[in-house]
PDB file of all heavy atoms in Angstrom:
ATOM      1  N   VAL A   1       0.798  -1.192   0.021  1.00  0.00           N
ATOM      2  CA  VAL A   1      -0.009  -0.012   0.014  1.00  0.00           C
ATOM      3  C   VAL A   1       0.825   1.228   0.005  1.00  0.00           C
ATOM      4  O   VAL A   1       0.245   2.353  -0.042  1.00  0.00           O
ATOM      5  CB  VAL A   1      -0.945   0.033   1.216  1.00  0.00           C
ATOM      6  CG1 VAL A   1      -1.782  -1.240   1.274  1.00  0.00           C
ATOM      7  CG2 VAL A   1      -0.222   0.290   2.531  1.00  0.00           C
ATOM      8  N   LYS A   2       2.126   1.146   0.004  1.00  0.00           N
ATOM      9  CA  LYS A   2       3.050   2.250   0.251  1.00  0.00           C
ATOM     10  C   LYS A   2       2.796   3.413  -0.751  1.00  0.00           C
ATOM     11  O   LYS A   2       2.812   4.599  -0.328  1.00  0.00           O
ATOM     12  CB  LYS A   2       4.483   1.792   0.118  1.00  0.00           C
ATOM     13  CG  LYS A   2       5.542   2.824   0.378  1.00  0.00           C
ATOM     14  CD  LYS A   2       6.918   2.243   0.243  1.00  0.00           C
ATOM     15  CE  LYS A   2       7.971   3.365   0.496  1.00  0.00           C
ATOM     16  NZ  LYS A   2       9.335   2.747   0.324  1.00  0.00           N
ATOM     17  N   ASP A   3       2.534   3.101  -1.951  1.00  0.00           N
ATOM     18  CA  ASP A   3       2.392   4.153  -2.996  1.00  0.00           C
ATOM     19  C   ASP A   3       0.932   4.583  -3.250  1.00  0.00           C
ATOM     20  O   ASP A   3       0.636   5.395  -4.053  1.00  0.00           O
ATOM     21  CB  ASP A   3       2.986   3.648  -4.300  1.00  0.00           C
ATOM     22  CG  ASP A   3       4.450   3.418  -4.248  1.00  0.00           C
ATOM     23  OD1 ASP A   3       5.165   4.209  -3.513  1.00  0.00           O
ATOM     24  OD2 ASP A   3       4.936   2.513  -4.916  1.00  0.00           O
ATOM     25  N   ARG A   4       0.040   4.015  -2.404  1.00  0.00           N
ATOM     26  CA  ARG A   4      -1.396   4.203  -2.622  1.00  0.00           C
ATOM     27  C   ARG A   4      -2.131   4.785  -1.409  1.00  0.00           C
ATOM     28  O   ARG A   4      -3.075   5.537  -1.598  1.00  0.00           O
ATOM     29  CB  ARG A   4      -2.042   2.909  -3.074  1.00  0.00           C
ATOM     30  CG  ARG A   4      -1.545   2.343  -4.322  1.00  0.00           C
ATOM     31  CD  ARG A   4      -2.364   1.084  -4.781  1.00  0.00           C
ATOM     32  NE  ARG A   4      -2.141   0.017  -3.767  1.00  0.00           N
ATOM     33  CZ  ARG A   4      -3.159  -0.609  -3.106  1.00  0.00           C
ATOM     34  NH1 ARG A   4      -4.390  -0.211  -3.313  1.00  0.00           N
ATOM     35  NH2 ARG A   4      -2.895  -1.549  -2.284  1.00  0.00           N
ATOM     36  N   PHE A   5      -1.635   4.481  -0.240  1.00  0.00           N
ATOM     37  CA  PHE A   5      -2.307   4.932   0.961  1.00  0.00           C
ATOM     38  C   PHE A   5      -1.478   5.970   1.672  1.00  0.00           C
ATOM     39  O   PHE A   5      -0.178   5.963   1.597  1.00  0.00           O
ATOM     40  CB  PHE A   5      -2.503   3.791   1.934  1.00  0.00           C
ATOM     41  CG  PHE A   5      -3.489   2.687   1.425  1.00  0.00           C
ATOM     42  CD1 PHE A   5      -4.023   2.727   0.179  1.00  0.00           C
ATOM     43  CD2 PHE A   5      -3.778   1.657   2.324  1.00  0.00           C
ATOM     44  CE1 PHE A   5      -4.953   1.758  -0.253  1.00  0.00           C
ATOM     45  CE2 PHE A   5      -4.671   0.651   1.926  1.00  0.00           C
ATOM     46  CZ  PHE A   5      -5.229   0.668   0.600  1.00  0.00           C
ATOM     47  N   THR A   6      -2.136   6.888   2.384  1.00  0.00           N
ATOM     48  CA  THR A   6      -1.470   7.845   3.188  1.00  0.00           C
ATOM     49  C   THR A   6      -2.065   7.990   4.594  1.00  0.00           C
ATOM     50  O   THR A   6      -3.263   8.142   4.696  1.00  0.00           O
ATOM     51  CB  THR A   6      -1.481   9.239   2.492  1.00  0.00           C
ATOM     52  OG1 THR A   6      -0.940   9.178   1.222  1.00  0.00           O
ATOM     53  CG2 THR A   6      -0.766  10.329   3.332  1.00  0.00           C
ATOM     54  N   ILE A   7      -1.275   7.825   5.562  1.00  0.00           N
ATOM     55  CA  ILE A   7      -1.757   7.960   7.000  1.00  0.00           C
ATOM     56  C   ILE A   7      -1.492   9.346   7.505  1.00  0.00           C
ATOM     57  O   ILE A   7      -0.513   9.976   7.162  1.00  0.00           O
ATOM     58  CB  ILE A   7      -1.115   6.899   7.842  1.00  0.00           C
ATOM     59  CG1 ILE A   7      -1.791   6.837   9.257  1.00  0.00           C
ATOM     60  CG2 ILE A   7       0.417   7.161   8.045  1.00  0.00           C
ATOM     61  CD1 ILE A   7      -1.358   5.610  10.076  1.00  0.00           C
ATOM     62  N   SER A   8      -2.419   9.835   8.319  1.00  0.00           N
ATOM     63  CA  SER A   8      -2.260  11.130   8.965  1.00  0.00           C
ATOM     64  C   SER A   8      -2.818  11.097  10.368  1.00  0.00           C
ATOM     65  O   SER A   8      -3.681  10.223  10.707  1.00  0.00           O
ATOM     66  CB  SER A   8      -2.971  12.213   8.086  1.00  0.00           C
ATOM     67  OG  SER A   8      -4.348  11.988   7.992  1.00  0.00           O
ATOM     68  N   ARG A   9      -2.347  12.020  11.162  1.00  0.00           N
ATOM     69  CA  ARG A   9      -2.849  12.122  12.571  1.00  0.00           C
ATOM     70  C   ARG A   9      -3.116  13.537  12.931  1.00  0.00           C
ATOM     71  O   ARG A   9      -2.547  14.475  12.444  1.00  0.00           O
ATOM     72  CB  ARG A   9      -1.768  11.608  13.580  1.00  0.00           C
ATOM     73  CG  ARG A   9      -1.528  10.073  13.504  1.00  0.00           C
ATOM     74  CD  ARG A   9      -0.432   9.765  14.475  1.00  0.00           C
ATOM     75  NE  ARG A   9      -0.626  10.088  15.877  1.00  0.00           N
ATOM     76  CZ  ARG A   9       0.047   9.668  16.896  1.00  0.00           C
ATOM     77  NH1 ARG A   9       1.041   8.789  16.702  1.00  0.00           N
ATOM     78  NH2 ARG A   9      -0.272  10.010  18.119  1.00  0.00           N
ATOM     79  N   ASP A  10      -4.095  13.713  13.872  1.00  0.00           N
ATOM     80  CA  ASP A  10      -4.330  14.903  14.526  1.00  0.00           C
ATOM     81  C   ASP A  10      -4.184  14.641  16.021  1.00  0.00           C
ATOM     82  O   ASP A  10      -5.097  14.047  16.627  1.00  0.00           O
ATOM     83  CB  ASP A  10      -5.712  15.473  14.249  1.00  0.00           C
ATOM     84  CG  ASP A  10      -5.916  16.843  14.807  1.00  0.00           C
ATOM     85  OD1 ASP A  10      -5.331  17.189  15.837  1.00  0.00           O
ATOM     86  OD2 ASP A  10      -6.721  17.607  14.213  1.00  0.00           O
ATOM     87  N   ASN A  11      -3.018  14.917  16.582  1.00  0.00           N
ATOM     88  CA  ASN A  11      -2.740  14.520  17.948  1.00  0.00           C
ATOM     89  C   ASN A  11      -3.614  15.256  18.937  1.00  0.00           C
ATOM     90  O   ASN A  11      -4.018  14.683  19.962  1.00  0.00           O
ATOM     91  CB  ASN A  11      -1.296  14.785  18.290  1.00  0.00           C
ATOM     92  CG  ASN A  11      -0.336  13.905  17.514  1.00  0.00           C
ATOM     93  OD1 ASN A  11      -0.640  12.756  17.259  1.00  0.00           O
ATOM     94  ND2 ASN A  11       0.850  14.417  17.157  1.00  0.00           N
ATOM     95  N   ALA A  12      -3.985  16.464  18.636  1.00  0.00           N
ATOM     96  CA  ALA A  12      -4.829  17.207  19.589  1.00  0.00           C
ATOM     97  C   ALA A  12      -6.219  16.601  19.684  1.00  0.00           C
ATOM     98  O   ALA A  12      -6.809  16.658  20.697  1.00  0.00           O
ATOM     99  CB  ALA A  12      -4.916  18.709  19.096  1.00  0.00           C
ATOM    100  N   LYS A  13      -6.734  16.057  18.594  1.00  0.00           N
ATOM    101  CA  LYS A  13      -8.052  15.460  18.508  1.00  0.00           C
ATOM    102  C   LYS A  13      -8.007  14.006  18.823  1.00  0.00           C
ATOM    103  O   LYS A  13      -9.104  13.410  19.015  1.00  0.00           O
ATOM    104  CB  LYS A  13      -8.707  15.747  17.230  1.00  0.00           C
ATOM    105  CG  LYS A  13      -8.977  17.205  16.933  1.00  0.00           C
ATOM    106  CD  LYS A  13      -9.686  17.356  15.547  1.00  0.00           C
ATOM    107  CE  LYS A  13      -9.943  18.861  15.296  1.00  0.00           C
ATOM    108  NZ  LYS A  13     -10.656  19.059  13.993  1.00  0.00           N
ATOM    109  N   GLY A  14      -6.833  13.393  18.791  1.00  0.00           N
ATOM    110  CA  GLY A  14      -6.741  11.973  19.061  1.00  0.00           C
ATOM    111  C   GLY A  14      -7.332  11.125  17.927  1.00  0.00           C
ATOM    112  O   GLY A  14      -7.939  10.152  18.107  1.00  0.00           O
ATOM    113  N   THR A  15      -7.056  11.619  16.674  1.00  0.00           N
ATOM    114  CA  THR A  15      -7.589  10.947  15.525  1.00  0.00           C
ATOM    115  C   THR A  15      -6.490  10.511  14.574  1.00  0.00           C
ATOM    116  O   THR A  15      -5.402  11.059  14.550  1.00  0.00           O
ATOM    117  CB  THR A  15      -8.600  11.820  14.690  1.00  0.00           C
ATOM    118  OG1 THR A  15      -7.895  12.931  14.271  1.00  0.00           O
ATOM    119  CG2 THR A  15      -9.750  12.229  15.608  1.00  0.00           C
ATOM    120  N   VAL A  16      -6.739   9.435  13.829  1.00  0.00           N
ATOM    121  CA  VAL A  16      -5.874   9.002  12.793  1.00  0.00           C
ATOM    122  C   VAL A  16      -6.723   8.597  11.582  1.00  0.00           C
ATOM    123  O   VAL A  16      -7.750   8.065  11.731  1.00  0.00           O
ATOM    124  CB  VAL A  16      -5.069   7.773  13.291  1.00  0.00           C
ATOM    125  CG1 VAL A  16      -5.883   6.583  13.696  1.00  0.00           C
ATOM    126  CG2 VAL A  16      -4.022   7.360  12.206  1.00  0.00           C
ATOM    127  N   SER A  17      -6.230   8.953  10.432  1.00  0.00           N
ATOM    128  CA  SER A  17      -6.958   8.693   9.246  1.00  0.00           C
ATOM    129  C   SER A  17      -6.137   8.005   8.188  1.00  0.00           C
ATOM    130  O   SER A  17      -4.846   8.073   8.243  1.00  0.00           O
ATOM    131  CB  SER A  17      -7.447  10.065   8.541  1.00  0.00           C
ATOM    132  OG  SER A  17      -8.314  10.717   9.399  1.00  0.00           O
ATOM    133  N   LEU A  18      -6.727   7.306   7.317  1.00  0.00           N
ATOM    134  CA  LEU A  18      -6.022   6.550   6.253  1.00  0.00           C
ATOM    135  C   LEU A  18      -6.700   6.904   4.929  1.00  0.00           C
ATOM    136  O   LEU A  18      -7.831   6.495   4.681  1.00  0.00           O
ATOM    137  CB  LEU A  18      -6.071   5.037   6.491  1.00  0.00           C
ATOM    138  CG  LEU A  18      -5.282   4.192   5.543  1.00  0.00           C
ATOM    139  CD1 LEU A  18      -3.740   4.456   5.676  1.00  0.00           C
ATOM    140  CD2 LEU A  18      -5.566   2.728   5.726  1.00  0.00           C
ATOM    141  N   GLN A  19      -6.062   7.664   4.120  1.00  0.00           N
ATOM    142  CA  GLN A  19      -6.542   7.960   2.755  1.00  0.00           C
ATOM    143  C   GLN A  19      -6.058   6.834   1.839  1.00  0.00           C
ATOM    144  O   GLN A  19      -4.899   6.583   1.671  1.00  0.00           O
ATOM    145  CB  GLN A  19      -5.981   9.290   2.242  1.00  0.00           C
ATOM    146  CG  GLN A  19      -6.409   9.668   0.853  1.00  0.00           C
ATOM    147  CD  GLN A  19      -7.914   9.909   0.823  1.00  0.00           C
ATOM    148  OE1 GLN A  19      -8.464  10.604   1.653  1.00  0.00           O
ATOM    149  NE2 GLN A  19      -8.557   9.359  -0.239  1.00  0.00           N
ATOM    150  N   MET A  20      -7.058   6.174   1.307  1.00  0.00           N
ATOM    151  CA  MET A  20      -6.786   4.973   0.420  1.00  0.00           C
ATOM    152  C   MET A  20      -7.161   5.312  -1.025  1.00  0.00           C
ATOM    153  O   MET A  20      -8.351   5.538  -1.304  1.00  0.00           O
ATOM    154  CB  MET A  20      -7.531   3.746   0.921  1.00  0.00           C
ATOM    155  CG  MET A  20      -7.246   3.418   2.404  1.00  0.00           C
ATOM    156  SD  MET A  20      -8.011   1.874   2.893  1.00  0.00           S
ATOM    157  CE  MET A  20      -9.805   2.349   2.676  1.00  0.00           C
ATOM    158  N   ASN A  21      -6.171   5.352  -1.877  1.00  0.00           N
ATOM    159  CA  ASN A  21      -6.375   5.622  -3.294  1.00  0.00           C
ATOM    160  C   ASN A  21      -5.985   4.368  -4.071  1.00  0.00           C
ATOM    161  O   ASN A  21      -5.273   3.525  -3.661  1.00  0.00           O
ATOM    162  CB  ASN A  21      -5.567   6.826  -3.684  1.00  0.00           C
ATOM    163  CG  ASN A  21      -5.879   8.108  -2.999  1.00  0.00           C
ATOM    164  OD1 ASN A  21      -7.079   8.370  -2.661  1.00  0.00           O
ATOM    165  ND2 ASN A  21      -4.895   8.941  -2.737  1.00  0.00           N
ATOM    166  N   SER A  22      -6.457   4.424  -5.353  1.00  0.00           N
ATOM    167  CA  SER A  22      -6.125   3.339  -6.269  1.00  0.00           C
ATOM    168  C   SER A  22      -6.454   1.981  -5.674  1.00  0.00           C
ATOM    169  O   SER A  22      -5.645   1.030  -5.690  1.00  0.00           O
ATOM    170  CB  SER A  22      -4.691   3.411  -6.735  1.00  0.00           C
ATOM    171  OG  SER A  22      -4.483   4.655  -7.355  1.00  0.00           O
ATOM    172  N   LEU A  23      -7.613   1.829  -5.038  1.00  0.00           N
ATOM    173  CA  LEU A  23      -7.948   0.645  -4.351  1.00  0.00           C
ATOM    174  C   LEU A  23      -8.047  -0.569  -5.280  1.00  0.00           C
ATOM    175  O   LEU A  23      -8.515  -0.438  -6.431  1.00  0.00           O
ATOM    176  CB  LEU A  23      -9.216   0.851  -3.542  1.00  0.00           C
ATOM    177  CG  LEU A  23      -9.056   1.648  -2.297  1.00  0.00           C
ATOM    178  CD1 LEU A  23     -10.445   2.227  -1.770  1.00  0.00           C
ATOM    179  CD2 LEU A  23      -8.471   0.741  -1.163  1.00  0.00           C
ATOM    180  N   LYS A  24      -7.637  -1.680  -4.761  1.00  0.00           N
ATOM    181  CA  LYS A  24      -7.700  -2.905  -5.543  1.00  0.00           C
ATOM    182  C   LYS A  24      -8.578  -3.934  -4.795  1.00  0.00           C
ATOM    183  O   LYS A  24      -8.778  -3.833  -3.583  1.00  0.00           O
ATOM    184  CB  LYS A  24      -6.277  -3.506  -5.604  1.00  0.00           C
ATOM    185  CG  LYS A  24      -5.223  -2.584  -6.223  1.00  0.00           C
ATOM    186  CD  LYS A  24      -3.876  -3.204  -6.147  1.00  0.00           C
ATOM    187  CE  LYS A  24      -2.792  -2.240  -6.790  1.00  0.00           C
ATOM    188  NZ  LYS A  24      -1.437  -2.829  -6.723  1.00  0.00           N
ATOM    189  N   PRO A  25      -9.042  -4.909  -5.530  1.00  0.00           N
ATOM    190  CA  PRO A  25      -9.926  -5.920  -4.950  1.00  0.00           C
ATOM    191  C   PRO A  25      -9.233  -6.584  -3.703  1.00  0.00           C
ATOM    192  O   PRO A  25      -9.907  -6.988  -2.754  1.00  0.00           O
ATOM    193  CB  PRO A  25     -10.250  -6.894  -6.053  1.00  0.00           C
ATOM    194  CG  PRO A  25     -10.200  -6.042  -7.246  1.00  0.00           C
ATOM    195  CD  PRO A  25      -9.095  -4.997  -7.052  1.00  0.00           C
ATOM    196  N   GLU A  26      -7.929  -6.820  -3.829  1.00  0.00           N
ATOM    197  CA  GLU A  26      -7.226  -7.479  -2.714  1.00  0.00           C
ATOM    198  C   GLU A  26      -7.152  -6.629  -1.471  1.00  0.00           C
ATOM    199  O   GLU A  26      -6.644  -7.113  -0.419  1.00  0.00           O
ATOM    200  CB  GLU A  26      -5.809  -7.821  -3.187  1.00  0.00           C
ATOM    201  CG  GLU A  26      -5.035  -6.786  -3.911  1.00  0.00           C
ATOM    202  CD  GLU A  26      -5.164  -6.872  -5.395  1.00  0.00           C
ATOM    203  OE1 GLU A  26      -6.246  -7.107  -5.927  1.00  0.00           O
ATOM    204  OE2 GLU A  26      -4.070  -6.809  -6.066  1.00  0.00           O
ATOM    205  N   ASP A  27      -7.528  -5.332  -1.540  1.00  0.00           N
ATOM    206  CA  ASP A  27      -7.622  -4.514  -0.329  1.00  0.00           C
ATOM    207  C   ASP A  27      -8.887  -4.794   0.453  1.00  0.00           C
ATOM    208  O   ASP A  27      -9.045  -4.285   1.576  1.00  0.00           O
ATOM    209  CB  ASP A  27      -7.603  -3.036  -0.699  1.00  0.00           C
ATOM    210  CG  ASP A  27      -6.260  -2.637  -1.378  1.00  0.00           C
ATOM    211  OD1 ASP A  27      -5.214  -3.117  -0.877  1.00  0.00           O
ATOM    212  OD2 ASP A  27      -6.344  -1.841  -2.321  1.00  0.00           O
ATOM    213  N   THR A  28      -9.783  -5.579  -0.080  1.00  0.00           N
ATOM    214  CA  THR A  28     -11.013  -5.907   0.550  1.00  0.00           C
ATOM    215  C   THR A  28     -10.854  -6.732   1.843  1.00  0.00           C
ATOM    216  O   THR A  28     -10.259  -7.815   1.796  1.00  0.00           O
ATOM    217  CB  THR A  28     -11.961  -6.691  -0.372  1.00  0.00           C
ATOM    218  OG1 THR A  28     -12.315  -5.860  -1.472  1.00  0.00           O
ATOM    219  CG2 THR A  28     -13.239  -7.064   0.356  1.00  0.00           C
ATOM    220  N   THR A  29     -11.279  -6.131   2.967  1.00  0.00           N
ATOM    221  CA  THR A  29     -11.231  -6.808   4.216  1.00  0.00           C
ATOM    222  C   THR A  29     -11.641  -5.797   5.316  1.00  0.00           C
ATOM    223  O   THR A  29     -12.051  -4.689   4.992  1.00  0.00           O
ATOM    224  CB  THR A  29      -9.809  -7.352   4.536  1.00  0.00           C
ATOM    225  OG1 THR A  29      -9.880  -8.207   5.741  1.00  0.00           O
ATOM    226  CG2 THR A  29      -8.838  -6.256   4.859  1.00  0.00           C
ATOM    227  N   THR A  30     -11.582  -6.288   6.537  1.00  0.00           N
ATOM    228  CA  THR A  30     -11.867  -5.347   7.646  1.00  0.00           C
ATOM    229  C   THR A  30     -10.624  -4.720   8.166  1.00  0.00           C
ATOM    230  O   THR A  30      -9.586  -5.330   8.367  1.00  0.00           O
ATOM    231  CB  THR A  30     -12.500  -6.146   8.810  1.00  0.00           C
ATOM    232  OG1 THR A  30     -13.717  -6.792   8.365  1.00  0.00           O
ATOM    233  CG2 THR A  30     -12.870  -5.190   9.996  1.00  0.00           C
ATOM    234  N   TYR A  31     -10.756  -3.421   8.350  1.00  0.00           N
ATOM    235  CA  TYR A  31      -9.636  -2.553   8.797  1.00  0.00           C
ATOM    236  C   TYR A  31      -9.827  -2.139  10.237  1.00  0.00           C
ATOM    237  O   TYR A  31     -10.985  -1.723  10.682  1.00  0.00           O
ATOM    238  CB  TYR A  31      -9.498  -1.335   7.856  1.00  0.00           C
ATOM    239  CG  TYR A  31      -8.969  -1.655   6.500  1.00  0.00           C
ATOM    240  CD1 TYR A  31      -9.723  -2.294   5.581  1.00  0.00           C
ATOM    241  CD2 TYR A  31      -7.641  -1.275   6.150  1.00  0.00           C
ATOM    242  CE1 TYR A  31      -9.245  -2.666   4.352  1.00  0.00           C
ATOM    243  CE2 TYR A  31      -7.124  -1.589   4.856  1.00  0.00           C
ATOM    244  CZ  TYR A  31      -7.942  -2.263   4.015  1.00  0.00           C
ATOM    245  OH  TYR A  31      -7.452  -2.637   2.786  1.00  0.00           O
ATOM    246  N   TYR A  32      -8.766  -2.237  11.027  1.00  0.00           N
ATOM    247  CA  TYR A  32      -8.792  -1.960  12.433  1.00  0.00           C
ATOM    248  C   TYR A  32      -7.951  -0.852  12.821  1.00  0.00           C
ATOM    249  O   TYR A  32      -6.736  -0.784  12.442  1.00  0.00           O
ATOM    250  CB  TYR A  32      -8.448  -3.235  13.217  1.00  0.00           C
ATOM    251  CG  TYR A  32      -9.393  -4.396  13.032  1.00  0.00           C
ATOM    252  CD1 TYR A  32      -9.107  -5.276  11.970  1.00  0.00           C
ATOM    253  CD2 TYR A  32     -10.443  -4.637  13.840  1.00  0.00           C
ATOM    254  CE1 TYR A  32      -9.962  -6.384  11.748  1.00  0.00           C
ATOM    255  CE2 TYR A  32     -11.254  -5.729  13.643  1.00  0.00           C
ATOM    256  CZ  TYR A  32     -10.978  -6.614  12.621  1.00  0.00           C
ATOM    257  OH  TYR A  32     -11.797  -7.679  12.356  1.00  0.00           O
ATOM    258  N   CYS A  33      -8.451   0.055  13.588  1.00  0.00           N
ATOM    259  CA  CYS A  33      -7.661   1.130  14.155  1.00  0.00           C
ATOM    260  C   CYS A  33      -6.858   0.543  15.347  1.00  0.00           C
ATOM    261  O   CYS A  33      -7.266  -0.286  16.125  1.00  0.00           O
ATOM    262  CB  CYS A  33      -8.572   2.195  14.649  1.00  0.00           C
ATOM    263  SG  CYS A  33      -7.683   3.652  15.357  1.00  0.00           S
ATOM    264  N   TYR A  34      -5.618   1.073  15.404  1.00  0.00           N
ATOM    265  CA  TYR A  34      -4.648   0.599  16.471  1.00  0.00           C
ATOM    266  C   TYR A  34      -4.014   1.789  17.171  1.00  0.00           C
ATOM    267  O   TYR A  34      -3.621   2.762  16.539  1.00  0.00           O
ATOM    268  CB  TYR A  34      -3.537  -0.220  15.804  1.00  0.00           C
ATOM    269  CG  TYR A  34      -2.340  -0.466  16.705  1.00  0.00           C
ATOM    270  CD1 TYR A  34      -2.325  -1.465  17.638  1.00  0.00           C
ATOM    271  CD2 TYR A  34      -1.170   0.287  16.530  1.00  0.00           C
ATOM    272  CE1 TYR A  34      -1.174  -1.698  18.402  1.00  0.00           C
ATOM    273  CE2 TYR A  34      -0.082   0.100  17.312  1.00  0.00           C
ATOM    274  CZ  TYR A  34      -0.082  -0.910  18.295  1.00  0.00           C
ATOM    275  OH  TYR A  34       0.992  -1.136  19.079  1.00  0.00           O
ATOM    276  N   VAL A  35      -3.953   1.633  18.484  1.00  0.00           N
ATOM    277  CA  VAL A  35      -3.280   2.707  19.274  1.00  0.00           C
ATOM    278  C   VAL A  35      -2.416   2.083  20.318  1.00  0.00           C
ATOM    279  O   VAL A  35      -2.847   1.091  20.996  1.00  0.00           O
ATOM    280  CB  VAL A  35      -4.347   3.561  19.968  1.00  0.00           C
ATOM    281  CG1 VAL A  35      -3.664   4.446  21.068  1.00  0.00           C
ATOM    282  CG2 VAL A  35      -5.111   4.485  19.002  1.00  0.00           C
ATOM    283  N   GLU A  36      -1.176   2.599  20.424  1.00  0.00           N
ATOM    284  CA  GLU A  36      -0.250   2.217  21.424  1.00  0.00           C
ATOM    285  C   GLU A  36      -0.036   3.473  22.353  1.00  0.00           C
ATOM    286  O   GLU A  36       0.428   4.443  21.848  1.00  0.00           O
ATOM    287  CB  GLU A  36       1.026   1.708  20.992  1.00  0.00           C
ATOM    288  CG  GLU A  36       2.042   1.412  22.024  1.00  0.00           C
ATOM    289  CD  GLU A  36       3.445   1.244  21.502  1.00  0.00           C
ATOM    290  OE1 GLU A  36       3.616   0.938  20.276  1.00  0.00           O
ATOM    291  OE2 GLU A  36       4.464   1.315  22.238  1.00  0.00           O
ATOM    292  N   GLY A  37      -0.346   3.384  23.608  1.00  0.00           N
ATOM    293  CA  GLY A  37      -0.175   4.516  24.460  1.00  0.00           C
ATOM    294  C   GLY A  37      -0.434   4.193  25.889  1.00  0.00           C
ATOM    295  O   GLY A  37      -0.655   3.066  26.337  1.00  0.00           O
ATOM    296  N   TYR A  38      -0.357   5.290  26.703  1.00  0.00           N
ATOM    297  CA  TYR A  38      -0.567   5.173  28.175  1.00  0.00           C
ATOM    298  C   TYR A  38      -1.864   5.808  28.553  1.00  0.00           C
ATOM    299  O   TYR A  38      -2.209   6.938  28.126  1.00  0.00           O
ATOM    300  CB  TYR A  38       0.581   5.954  28.880  1.00  0.00           C
ATOM    301  CG  TYR A  38       1.997   5.415  28.815  1.00  0.00           C
ATOM    302  CD1 TYR A  38       2.794   5.596  27.739  1.00  0.00           C
ATOM    303  CD2 TYR A  38       2.394   4.572  29.845  1.00  0.00           C
ATOM    304  CE1 TYR A  38       4.013   5.077  27.700  1.00  0.00           C
ATOM    305  CE2 TYR A  38       3.708   4.035  29.771  1.00  0.00           C
ATOM    306  CZ  TYR A  38       4.534   4.309  28.705  1.00  0.00           C
ATOM    307  OH  TYR A  38       5.738   3.766  28.669  1.00  0.00           O
ATOM    308  N   VAL A  39      -2.562   5.160  29.353  1.00  0.00           N
ATOM    309  CA  VAL A  39      -3.729   5.721  30.071  1.00  0.00           C
ATOM    310  C   VAL A  39      -3.218   6.289  31.339  1.00  0.00           C
ATOM    311  O   VAL A  39      -2.139   5.976  31.821  1.00  0.00           O
ATOM    312  CB  VAL A  39      -4.823   4.667  30.243  1.00  0.00           C
ATOM    313  CG1 VAL A  39      -5.437   4.153  28.971  1.00  0.00           C
ATOM    314  CG2 VAL A  39      -4.354   3.516  31.134  1.00  0.00           C
ATOM    315  N   TYR A  40      -4.035   7.094  31.974  1.00  0.00           N
ATOM    316  CA  TYR A  40      -3.679   7.681  33.253  1.00  0.00           C
ATOM    317  C   TYR A  40      -3.394   6.663  34.387  1.00  0.00           C
ATOM    318  O   TYR A  40      -4.166   5.645  34.382  1.00  0.00           O
ATOM    319  CB  TYR A  40      -4.741   8.676  33.704  1.00  0.00           C
ATOM    320  CG  TYR A  40      -4.780   9.964  32.966  1.00  0.00           C
ATOM    321  CD1 TYR A  40      -5.750  10.230  32.027  1.00  0.00           C
ATOM    322  CD2 TYR A  40      -3.796  10.979  33.193  1.00  0.00           C
ATOM    323  CE1 TYR A  40      -5.741  11.409  31.354  1.00  0.00           C
ATOM    324  CE2 TYR A  40      -3.809  12.141  32.477  1.00  0.00           C
ATOM    325  CZ  TYR A  40      -4.789  12.371  31.554  1.00  0.00           C
ATOM    326  OH  TYR A  40      -4.787  13.563  30.821  1.00  0.00           O
ATOM    327  N   ASP A  41      -2.353   6.809  35.037  1.00  0.00           N
ATOM    328  CA  ASP A  41      -1.947   5.947  36.141  1.00  0.00           C
ATOM    329  C   ASP A  41      -1.403   4.629  35.693  1.00  0.00           C
ATOM    330  O   ASP A  41      -1.236   3.697  36.478  1.00  0.00           O
ATOM    331  CB  ASP A  41      -3.124   5.705  37.132  1.00  0.00           C
ATOM    332  CG  ASP A  41      -3.627   6.974  37.728  1.00  0.00           C
ATOM    333  OD1 ASP A  41      -2.777   7.811  38.046  1.00  0.00           O
ATOM    334  OD2 ASP A  41      -4.858   7.086  37.976  1.00  0.00           O
TER     335      ASP A  41
END
């Protein structure tokens, strides 16, 4: 996906987006958001 998708973040809003262009049938599946971080305490 390197040449087709672009990831972006808005740290203030706690959001992440994935712009997917030139999609192919093999891209068909379920996509999951992932976060690695610390919660309070």
